[in-house]
């Protein structure tokens, strides 16, 4: 009985340690665009499009600009990226340290993963995706 109790206590401590160190954090899930160059996605596109922003959303049948770009990382190691009006891209992903590495069409992209968010730097733009 004493040995069983010790084993259960040890397993509980290991589990608590893993969770407190972020061991339970997984990048698997669906992400939407949160910010572009430090501005909320809504503010960024309203600045870029001006008075035509609402018309653009309506034309695309969207409720918000955050819906324009989605990124999904699946548990089986596959990834997909969608942009409204464009063909979806797909590839494979893996977690290395604090970075998600996505390989698609022979190209590899590293996205820092922190606090449930992925950061993508492309063409001078910094886009932050948050988990849905």
Protein backbone atom coordinates (compact mmCIF):
# COMPACT_ATOMS: atom_id res chain seq x y z
CA UNK A 1 0.00 0.00 0.00
CA UNK A 2 2.78 2.41 0.92
CA UNK A 3 4.58 1.65 -2.36
CA UNK A 4 1.39 2.27 -4.39
CA UNK A 5 0.85 5.60 -2.65
CA UNK A 6 4.48 6.61 -3.34
CA UNK A 7 4.11 5.69 -7.02
CA UNK A 8 0.87 7.69 -7.37
CA UNK A 9 2.45 10.68 -5.62
CA UNK A 10 5.51 10.51 -7.90
CA UNK A 11 3.31 10.37 -11.03
CA UNK A 12 1.27 13.32 -9.78
CA UNK A 13 4.40 15.40 -9.17
CA UNK A 14 5.79 14.57 -12.63
CA UNK A 15 2.47 15.56 -14.23
CA UNK A 16 2.32 18.85 -12.31
CA UNK A 17 5.93 19.64 -13.26
CA UNK A 18 5.27 18.95 -16.97
CA UNK A 19 2.18 21.18 -17.01
CA UNK A 20 3.89 24.03 -15.14
CA UNK A 21 6.80 23.93 -17.61
CA UNK A 22 4.47 24.23 -20.58
CA UNK A 23 4.57 20.54 -21.44
CA UNK A 24 0.82 20.60 -22.06
CA UNK A 25 1.06 23.38 -24.65
CA UNK A 26 0.64 22.15 -28.20
CA UNK A 27 0.53 24.15 -31.41
CA UNK A 28 -2.08 21.77 -32.88
CA UNK A 29 -5.20 23.72 -33.83
CA UNK A 30 -6.68 26.36 -36.10
CA UNK A 31 -5.32 29.90 -36.11
CA UNK A 32 -6.71 33.21 -37.35
CA UNK A 33 -4.86 36.40 -38.11
CA UNK A 34 -4.64 38.65 -35.03
CA UNK A 35 -2.23 41.47 -35.92
CA UNK A 36 -0.28 42.83 -38.86
CA UNK A 37 2.80 44.92 -38.06
CA UNK A 38 1.62 45.35 -34.47
CA UNK A 39 -1.83 46.67 -35.40
CA UNK A 40 -5.05 44.75 -34.97
CA UNK A 41 -5.97 43.08 -38.24
CA UNK A 42 -9.14 45.19 -38.41
CA UNK A 43 -7.24 48.47 -37.95
CA UNK A 44 -4.54 47.44 -40.40
CA UNK A 45 -6.98 46.71 -43.23
CA UNK A 46 -9.15 49.73 -42.47
CA UNK A 47 -6.05 51.90 -42.82
CA UNK A 48 -5.04 50.17 -46.04
CA UNK A 49 -8.51 50.20 -47.62
CA UNK A 50 -9.98 53.35 -46.11
CA UNK A 51 -13.67 53.89 -46.82
CA UNK A 52 -13.79 50.75 -48.95
CA UNK A 53 -13.07 48.40 -46.01
CA UNK A 54 -16.72 47.59 -45.23
CA UNK A 55 -17.49 47.09 -48.93
CA UNK A 56 -14.51 44.75 -49.25
CA UNK A 57 -15.70 42.61 -46.32
CA UNK A 58 -19.19 42.45 -47.78
CA UNK A 59 -17.85 41.49 -51.21
CA UNK A 60 -15.87 38.63 -49.65
CA UNK A 61 -18.85 37.63 -47.47
CA UNK A 62 -16.77 37.97 -44.29
CA UNK A 63 -17.65 39.26 -40.83
CA UNK A 64 -14.11 40.43 -40.09
CA UNK A 65 -10.70 40.74 -41.71
CA UNK A 66 -9.35 38.12 -39.28
CA UNK A 67 -11.25 35.51 -41.32
CA UNK A 68 -9.22 36.32 -44.44
CA UNK A 69 -6.26 34.19 -43.41
CA UNK A 70 -6.34 30.89 -41.50
CA UNK A 71 -3.61 28.45 -40.61
CA UNK A 72 -4.28 24.93 -39.36
CA UNK A 73 -1.78 22.58 -37.77
CA UNK A 74 -3.15 19.06 -37.50
CA UNK A 75 -2.09 16.36 -35.05
CA UNK A 76 -0.95 14.14 -37.95
CA UNK A 77 1.79 16.66 -38.83
CA UNK A 78 0.05 18.25 -41.81
CA UNK A 79 -0.51 21.99 -42.16
CA UNK A 80 -2.78 24.11 -44.33
CA UNK A 81 -2.90 27.84 -44.99
CA UNK A 82 -5.95 29.55 -46.48
CA UNK A 83 -6.33 33.03 -47.88
CA UNK A 84 -9.74 34.14 -49.12
CA UNK A 85 -9.85 34.02 -52.90
CA UNK A 86 -6.65 31.95 -53.22
CA UNK A 87 -5.97 28.23 -53.49
CA UNK A 88 -5.08 26.64 -50.15
CA UNK A 89 -1.46 25.75 -49.49
CA UNK A 90 -0.60 22.60 -47.60
CA UNK A 91 2.49 20.96 -46.23
CA UNK A 92 3.98 19.36 -43.16
CA UNK A 93 4.86 20.85 -39.78
CA UNK A 94 6.90 19.97 -36.72
CA UNK A 95 7.73 21.62 -33.42
CA UNK A 96 11.42 22.25 -32.72
CA UNK A 97 11.98 23.99 -29.42
CA UNK A 98 9.83 27.13 -29.48
CA UNK A 99 9.44 27.21 -33.28
CA UNK A 100 6.94 25.60 -35.61
CA UNK A 101 8.69 24.55 -38.81
CA UNK A 102 6.41 24.33 -41.84
CA UNK A 103 7.60 22.80 -45.10
CA UNK A 104 5.46 23.33 -48.19
CA UNK A 105 6.30 23.30 -51.88
CA UNK A 106 9.98 22.68 -51.08
CA UNK A 107 10.23 25.80 -48.89
CA UNK A 108 10.69 25.85 -45.13
CA UNK A 109 9.30 28.56 -42.87
CA UNK A 110 10.01 28.98 -39.15
CA UNK A 111 7.29 30.52 -37.01
CA UNK A 112 8.03 31.34 -33.37
CA UNK A 113 5.37 29.76 -31.13
CA UNK A 114 4.67 31.56 -27.86
CA UNK A 115 1.57 31.84 -25.66
CA UNK A 116 -0.60 30.06 -28.22
CA UNK A 117 0.43 32.42 -31.02
CA UNK A 118 2.46 31.95 -34.19
CA UNK A 119 4.44 34.79 -35.78
CA UNK A 120 5.09 34.90 -39.51
CA UNK A 121 7.45 37.40 -41.13
CA UNK A 122 6.96 37.63 -44.89
CA UNK A 123 7.63 40.39 -47.43
CA UNK A 124 8.31 42.97 -44.71
CA UNK A 125 5.06 42.18 -42.91
CA UNK A 126 4.86 40.64 -39.43
CA UNK A 127 1.66 38.68 -38.96
CA UNK A 128 0.62 37.14 -35.66
CA UNK A 129 -1.88 34.28 -35.68
CA UNK A 130 -3.81 33.31 -32.57
CA UNK A 131 -5.45 29.98 -31.84
CA UNK A 132 -9.20 29.96 -32.37
